């Protein structure tokens, strides 16, 4: 089992920045790939970014590359999502995801609200 807890969401003005964190526990953190997804009101959950177990490979949704940066600290069992130049379309609940032994694990999400 893997437990994931997100934090760092909140209200920010358009153009601002936020850094989300996801603390993992339950398994050896460096053994699994991590990612971020988001779900806006009335929309399906969508992929945001992912990072390999070593941190050596990162992947982004095309529209977000350049504004969002995913990183991880295996010593702290934490993955981060740095979000810059936020706009109102980034308003969503952001979920942390871990893939371990072919199983997806999810956190409960953290709400990011961007005001105009």
N, C-alpha and C. Protein backbone atom coordinates (compact mmCIF):
# COMPACT_ATOMS: atom_id res chain seq x y z
N UNK A 1 0.83 -1.20 0.00
CA UNK A 1 0.00 0.00 0.00
C UNK A 1 0.87 1.24 0.00
N UNK A 2 0.38 2.25 -0.68
CA UNK A 2 1.04 3.55 -0.74
C UNK A 2 0.03 4.61 -0.31
N UNK A 3 0.43 5.46 0.60
CA UNK A 3 -0.42 6.56 1.03
C UNK A 3 0.17 7.87 0.53
N UNK A 4 -0.70 8.71 0.01
CA UNK A 4 -0.27 9.98 -0.56
C UNK A 4 -1.07 11.12 0.05
N UNK A 5 -0.39 12.17 0.45
CA UNK A 5 -1.06 13.33 1.04
C UNK A 5 -0.54 14.59 0.35
N UNK A 6 -1.44 15.29 -0.33
CA UNK A 6 -1.08 16.53 -1.01
C UNK A 6 -1.25 17.73 -0.08
N UNK A 7 -0.48 18.76 -0.38
CA UNK A 7 -0.61 20.03 0.34
C UNK A 7 -0.11 21.15 -0.56
N UNK A 8 -0.39 22.37 -0.14
CA UNK A 8 0.12 23.53 -0.87
C UNK A 8 -0.88 24.25 -1.74
N UNK A 9 -2.08 23.70 -1.86
CA UNK A 9 -3.10 24.38 -2.65
C UNK A 9 -3.61 25.62 -1.94
N UNK A 10 -4.39 26.41 -2.67
CA UNK A 10 -4.95 27.61 -2.09
C UNK A 10 -5.43 28.56 -3.15
N UNK A 11 -5.67 29.79 -2.73
CA UNK A 11 -6.15 30.84 -3.63
C UNK A 11 -4.98 31.72 -4.05
N UNK A 12 -4.87 31.94 -5.34
CA UNK A 12 -3.78 32.76 -5.88
C UNK A 12 -4.32 33.61 -7.02
N UNK A 13 -3.77 34.77 -7.19
CA UNK A 13 -4.18 35.62 -8.30
C UNK A 13 -3.54 35.16 -9.60
N UNK A 14 -4.20 35.45 -10.68
CA UNK A 14 -3.66 35.13 -12.00
C UNK A 14 -2.28 35.74 -12.15
N UNK A 15 -1.36 34.96 -12.70
CA UNK A 15 0.01 35.39 -12.84
C UNK A 15 0.91 34.94 -11.69
N UNK A 16 0.29 34.47 -10.62
CA UNK A 16 1.04 34.06 -9.46
C UNK A 16 1.57 32.63 -9.56
N UNK A 17 2.17 32.19 -8.46
CA UNK A 17 2.79 30.87 -8.41
C UNK A 17 2.36 30.12 -7.16
N UNK A 18 2.41 28.81 -7.25
CA UNK A 18 2.19 27.93 -6.11
C UNK A 18 3.09 26.72 -6.26
N UNK A 19 3.46 26.14 -5.12
CA UNK A 19 4.18 24.88 -5.15
C UNK A 19 3.38 23.85 -4.35
N UNK A 20 3.00 22.81 -5.03
CA UNK A 20 2.30 21.71 -4.38
C UNK A 20 3.31 20.66 -3.93
N UNK A 21 2.96 20.01 -2.84
CA UNK A 21 3.78 18.91 -2.34
C UNK A 21 2.92 17.67 -2.17
N UNK A 22 3.54 16.53 -2.30
CA UNK A 22 2.86 15.26 -2.07
C UNK A 22 3.80 14.37 -1.27
N UNK A 23 3.39 14.09 -0.06
CA UNK A 23 4.18 13.22 0.82
C UNK A 23 3.69 11.79 0.70
N UNK A 24 4.61 10.89 0.48
CA UNK A 24 4.27 9.49 0.28
C UNK A 24 4.78 8.65 1.45
N UNK A 25 4.05 7.59 1.72
CA UNK A 25 4.46 6.65 2.75
C UNK A 25 3.92 5.27 2.41
N UNK A 26 4.48 4.28 3.04
CA UNK A 26 3.96 2.93 2.89
C UNK A 26 4.85 2.00 2.10
N UNK A 27 5.63 2.54 1.20
CA UNK A 27 6.55 1.72 0.42
C UNK A 27 7.82 2.52 0.19
N UNK A 28 8.83 1.88 -0.33
CA UNK A 28 10.07 2.58 -0.63
C UNK A 28 9.82 3.57 -1.76
N UNK A 29 9.87 4.84 -1.41
CA UNK A 29 9.47 5.91 -2.33
C UNK A 29 10.26 5.88 -3.62
N UNK A 30 11.51 5.58 -3.56
CA UNK A 30 12.36 5.64 -4.75
C UNK A 30 12.08 4.50 -5.71
N UNK A 31 11.16 3.62 -5.37
CA UNK A 31 10.84 2.49 -6.24
C UNK A 31 9.69 2.75 -7.20
N UNK A 32 9.04 3.89 -7.07
CA UNK A 32 7.90 4.08 -7.95
C UNK A 32 7.87 5.45 -8.61
N UNK A 33 7.24 5.45 -9.79
CA UNK A 33 7.05 6.68 -10.53
C UNK A 33 5.91 7.48 -9.91
N UNK A 34 6.00 8.80 -10.06
CA UNK A 34 5.00 9.68 -9.46
C UNK A 34 4.46 10.64 -10.52
N UNK A 35 3.27 11.15 -10.23
CA UNK A 35 2.68 12.10 -11.17
C UNK A 35 1.67 13.00 -10.51
N UNK A 36 1.28 14.00 -11.26
CA UNK A 36 0.22 14.92 -10.86
C UNK A 36 -0.87 14.93 -11.94
N UNK A 37 -2.10 14.94 -11.47
CA UNK A 37 -3.25 15.08 -12.33
C UNK A 37 -4.11 16.19 -11.76
N UNK A 38 -5.04 16.67 -12.55
CA UNK A 38 -5.96 17.68 -12.03
C UNK A 38 -7.35 17.48 -12.61
N UNK A 39 -8.32 17.96 -11.86
CA UNK A 39 -9.71 17.86 -12.30
C UNK A 39 -10.41 19.17 -12.02
N UNK A 40 -10.79 19.84 -13.10
CA UNK A 40 -11.52 21.09 -12.98
C UNK A 40 -13.00 20.80 -12.82
N UNK A 41 -13.75 21.73 -12.27
CA UNK A 41 -15.20 21.52 -12.08
C UNK A 41 -15.89 21.14 -13.38
N UNK A 42 -16.62 20.04 -13.35
CA UNK A 42 -17.37 19.60 -14.51
C UNK A 42 -16.55 18.96 -15.61
N UNK A 43 -15.28 18.72 -15.34
CA UNK A 43 -14.42 18.15 -16.37
C UNK A 43 -13.78 16.86 -15.88
N UNK A 44 -13.24 16.10 -16.81
CA UNK A 44 -12.57 14.86 -16.46
C UNK A 44 -11.17 15.14 -15.90
N UNK A 45 -10.71 14.19 -15.14
CA UNK A 45 -9.35 14.30 -14.62
C UNK A 45 -8.36 14.22 -15.78
N UNK A 46 -7.36 15.10 -15.73
CA UNK A 46 -6.39 15.13 -16.82
C UNK A 46 -4.97 15.06 -16.28
N UNK A 47 -4.11 14.53 -17.10
CA UNK A 47 -2.69 14.41 -16.76
C UNK A 47 -2.04 15.77 -16.74
N UNK A 48 -1.16 15.98 -15.74
CA UNK A 48 -0.41 17.23 -15.64
C UNK A 48 1.07 16.99 -15.89
N UNK A 49 1.66 16.10 -15.07
CA UNK A 49 3.09 15.86 -15.16
C UNK A 49 3.42 14.55 -14.47
N UNK A 50 4.57 13.97 -14.83
CA UNK A 50 5.03 12.74 -14.20
C UNK A 50 6.54 12.77 -14.11
N UNK A 51 7.04 11.96 -13.18
CA UNK A 51 8.48 11.89 -12.97
C UNK A 51 8.86 10.46 -12.66
N UNK A 52 9.96 10.01 -13.22
CA UNK A 52 10.41 8.64 -13.00
C UNK A 52 10.93 8.45 -11.59
N UNK A 53 11.15 7.20 -11.22
CA UNK A 53 11.54 6.89 -9.85
C UNK A 53 12.85 7.58 -9.46
N UNK A 54 13.74 7.74 -10.41
CA UNK A 54 15.04 8.36 -10.12
C UNK A 54 15.00 9.87 -10.24
N UNK A 55 13.94 10.38 -10.85
CA UNK A 55 13.88 11.81 -11.14
C UNK A 55 14.55 12.19 -12.44
N UNK A 56 15.10 11.20 -13.13
CA UNK A 56 15.85 11.49 -14.34
C UNK A 56 15.00 11.78 -15.56
N UNK A 57 13.75 11.37 -15.50
CA UNK A 57 12.84 11.60 -16.63
C UNK A 57 11.58 12.29 -16.15
N UNK A 58 11.19 13.31 -16.87
CA UNK A 58 9.97 14.03 -16.56
C UNK A 58 9.10 14.15 -17.81
N UNK A 59 7.82 14.24 -17.59
CA UNK A 59 6.86 14.30 -18.68
C UNK A 59 5.79 15.33 -18.32
N UNK A 60 5.32 16.05 -19.32
CA UNK A 60 4.33 17.10 -19.07
C UNK A 60 3.23 17.06 -20.12
N UNK A 61 2.06 17.49 -19.69
CA UNK A 61 1.02 17.79 -20.66
C UNK A 61 1.54 18.94 -21.52
N UNK A 62 1.32 18.83 -22.83
CA UNK A 62 1.93 19.78 -23.75
C UNK A 62 1.64 21.23 -23.44
N UNK A 63 0.42 21.48 -23.03
CA UNK A 63 0.01 22.86 -22.80
C UNK A 63 0.61 23.46 -21.53
N UNK A 64 1.15 22.60 -20.67
CA UNK A 64 1.66 23.07 -19.38
C UNK A 64 3.17 23.16 -19.32
N UNK A 65 3.81 22.52 -20.26
CA UNK A 65 5.27 22.53 -20.26
C UNK A 65 5.78 23.95 -20.37
N UNK A 66 6.72 24.27 -19.52
CA UNK A 66 7.26 25.62 -19.48
C UNK A 66 6.74 26.45 -18.34
N UNK A 67 5.54 26.12 -17.87
CA UNK A 67 4.97 26.81 -16.71
C UNK A 67 5.02 25.95 -15.45
N UNK A 68 4.91 24.65 -15.61
CA UNK A 68 4.90 23.72 -14.47
C UNK A 68 6.18 22.90 -14.46
N UNK A 69 6.66 22.61 -13.28
CA UNK A 69 7.86 21.80 -13.12
C UNK A 69 7.63 20.77 -12.02
N UNK A 70 7.85 19.51 -12.36
CA UNK A 70 7.73 18.43 -11.38
C UNK A 70 9.12 18.04 -10.92
N UNK A 71 9.22 17.74 -9.64
CA UNK A 71 10.50 17.30 -9.09
C UNK A 71 10.22 16.38 -7.91
N UNK A 72 11.25 15.73 -7.43
CA UNK A 72 11.07 14.84 -6.28
C UNK A 72 12.31 14.85 -5.42
N UNK A 73 12.10 14.57 -4.16
CA UNK A 73 13.19 14.42 -3.20
C UNK A 73 13.00 13.06 -2.55
N UNK A 74 13.75 12.10 -2.99
CA UNK A 74 13.57 10.74 -2.47
C UNK A 74 13.97 10.62 -1.01
N UNK A 75 14.83 11.49 -0.56
CA UNK A 75 15.21 11.47 0.86
C UNK A 75 14.06 11.93 1.75
N UNK A 76 13.16 12.74 1.18
CA UNK A 76 12.01 13.25 1.95
C UNK A 76 10.71 12.56 1.55
N UNK A 77 10.79 11.59 0.65
CA UNK A 77 9.59 10.88 0.19
C UNK A 77 8.53 11.86 -0.32
N UNK A 78 8.95 12.84 -1.06
CA UNK A 78 8.05 13.91 -1.48
C UNK A 78 8.26 14.25 -2.95
N UNK A 79 7.15 14.49 -3.62
CA UNK A 79 7.18 14.99 -4.99
C UNK A 79 6.55 16.37 -4.98
N UNK A 80 7.04 17.24 -5.85
CA UNK A 80 6.59 18.62 -5.89
C UNK A 80 6.06 18.98 -7.27
N UNK A 81 5.22 19.98 -7.29
CA UNK A 81 4.79 20.56 -8.56
C UNK A 81 4.86 22.07 -8.40
N UNK A 82 5.83 22.66 -9.07
CA UNK A 82 5.96 24.11 -9.09
C UNK A 82 5.13 24.66 -10.24
N UNK A 83 4.21 25.56 -9.93
CA UNK A 83 3.31 26.10 -10.94
C UNK A 83 3.50 27.61 -11.02
N UNK A 84 3.87 28.08 -12.18
CA UNK A 84 4.11 29.51 -12.40
C UNK A 84 3.14 30.07 -13.44
N UNK A 85 3.03 31.37 -13.44
CA UNK A 85 2.17 32.06 -14.41
C UNK A 85 0.78 31.44 -14.46
N UNK A 86 0.22 31.25 -13.30
CA UNK A 86 -1.08 30.59 -13.22
C UNK A 86 -2.17 31.46 -13.84
N UNK A 87 -3.15 30.79 -14.44
CA UNK A 87 -4.30 31.49 -14.98
C UNK A 87 -5.57 30.79 -14.50
N UNK A 88 -6.70 31.41 -14.76
CA UNK A 88 -7.96 30.89 -14.19
C UNK A 88 -8.26 29.48 -14.68
N UNK A 89 -7.75 29.12 -15.86
CA UNK A 89 -7.98 27.77 -16.39
C UNK A 89 -7.22 26.70 -15.61
N UNK A 90 -6.30 27.11 -14.76
CA UNK A 90 -5.57 26.17 -13.93
C UNK A 90 -6.33 25.82 -12.65
N UNK A 91 -7.44 26.47 -12.43
CA UNK A 91 -8.26 26.16 -11.25
C UNK A 91 -8.76 24.73 -11.32
N UNK A 92 -8.44 23.96 -10.27
CA UNK A 92 -8.79 22.54 -10.26
C UNK A 92 -8.38 21.93 -8.93
N UNK A 93 -8.83 20.72 -8.71
CA UNK A 93 -8.28 19.91 -7.63
C UNK A 93 -7.11 19.13 -8.22
N UNK A 94 -5.97 19.23 -7.56
CA UNK A 94 -4.76 18.58 -8.04
C UNK A 94 -4.52 17.32 -7.22
N UNK A 95 -4.31 16.22 -7.91
CA UNK A 95 -4.13 14.92 -7.29
C UNK A 95 -2.73 14.38 -7.54
N UNK A 96 -2.19 13.80 -6.52
CA UNK A 96 -0.91 13.11 -6.61
C UNK A 96 -1.18 11.65 -6.98
N UNK A 97 -0.31 11.10 -7.79
CA UNK A 97 -0.48 9.73 -8.25
C UNK A 97 0.83 8.98 -8.13
N UNK A 98 0.74 7.72 -7.70
CA UNK A 98 1.91 6.85 -7.66
C UNK A 98 1.56 5.55 -8.36
N UNK A 99 2.51 5.03 -9.09
CA UNK A 99 2.33 3.74 -9.75
C UNK A 99 3.34 2.78 -9.15
N UNK A 100 2.84 1.74 -8.50
CA UNK A 100 3.70 0.79 -7.83
C UNK A 100 3.22 -0.61 -8.13
N UNK A 101 4.08 -1.41 -8.70
CA UNK A 101 3.73 -2.79 -9.06
C UNK A 101 2.46 -2.84 -9.91
N UNK A 102 2.36 -1.89 -10.81
CA UNK A 102 1.24 -1.88 -11.73
C UNK A 102 -0.07 -1.38 -11.15
N UNK A 103 -0.03 -0.89 -9.93
CA UNK A 103 -1.24 -0.38 -9.27
C UNK A 103 -1.14 1.12 -9.12
N UNK A 104 -2.24 1.81 -9.42
CA UNK A 104 -2.32 3.26 -9.24
C UNK A 104 -2.80 3.60 -7.83
N UNK A 105 -2.12 4.54 -7.21
CA UNK A 105 -2.53 5.06 -5.92
C UNK A 105 -2.76 6.56 -6.07
N UNK A 106 -3.76 7.04 -5.32
CA UNK A 106 -4.13 8.46 -5.41
C UNK A 106 -4.24 9.10 -4.04
N UNK A 107 -3.87 10.37 -3.99
CA UNK A 107 -4.17 11.16 -2.81
C UNK A 107 -5.58 11.71 -2.89
N UNK A 108 -5.97 12.46 -1.86
CA UNK A 108 -7.33 13.01 -1.83
C UNK A 108 -7.43 14.33 -2.57
N UNK A 109 -6.30 14.90 -2.92
CA UNK A 109 -6.30 16.12 -3.72
C UNK A 109 -6.16 17.39 -2.90
N UNK A 110 -5.70 18.43 -3.57
CA UNK A 110 -5.60 19.75 -2.97
C UNK A 110 -6.15 20.76 -3.97
N UNK A 111 -6.97 21.68 -3.48
CA UNK A 111 -7.66 22.61 -4.37
C UNK A 111 -6.80 23.83 -4.66
N UNK A 112 -6.69 24.12 -5.93
CA UNK A 112 -6.01 25.34 -6.40
C UNK A 112 -7.05 26.22 -7.08
N UNK A 113 -7.19 27.43 -6.59
CA UNK A 113 -8.13 28.37 -7.17
C UNK A 113 -7.36 29.61 -7.63
N UNK A 114 -7.50 29.92 -8.90
CA UNK A 114 -6.82 31.08 -9.47
C UNK A 114 -7.87 32.14 -9.79
N UNK A 115 -7.70 33.29 -9.19
CA UNK A 115 -8.66 34.38 -9.41
C UNK A 115 -8.13 35.36 -10.45
N UNK A 116 -9.06 35.98 -11.16
CA UNK A 116 -8.66 36.92 -12.22
C UNK A 116 -8.47 38.31 -11.69
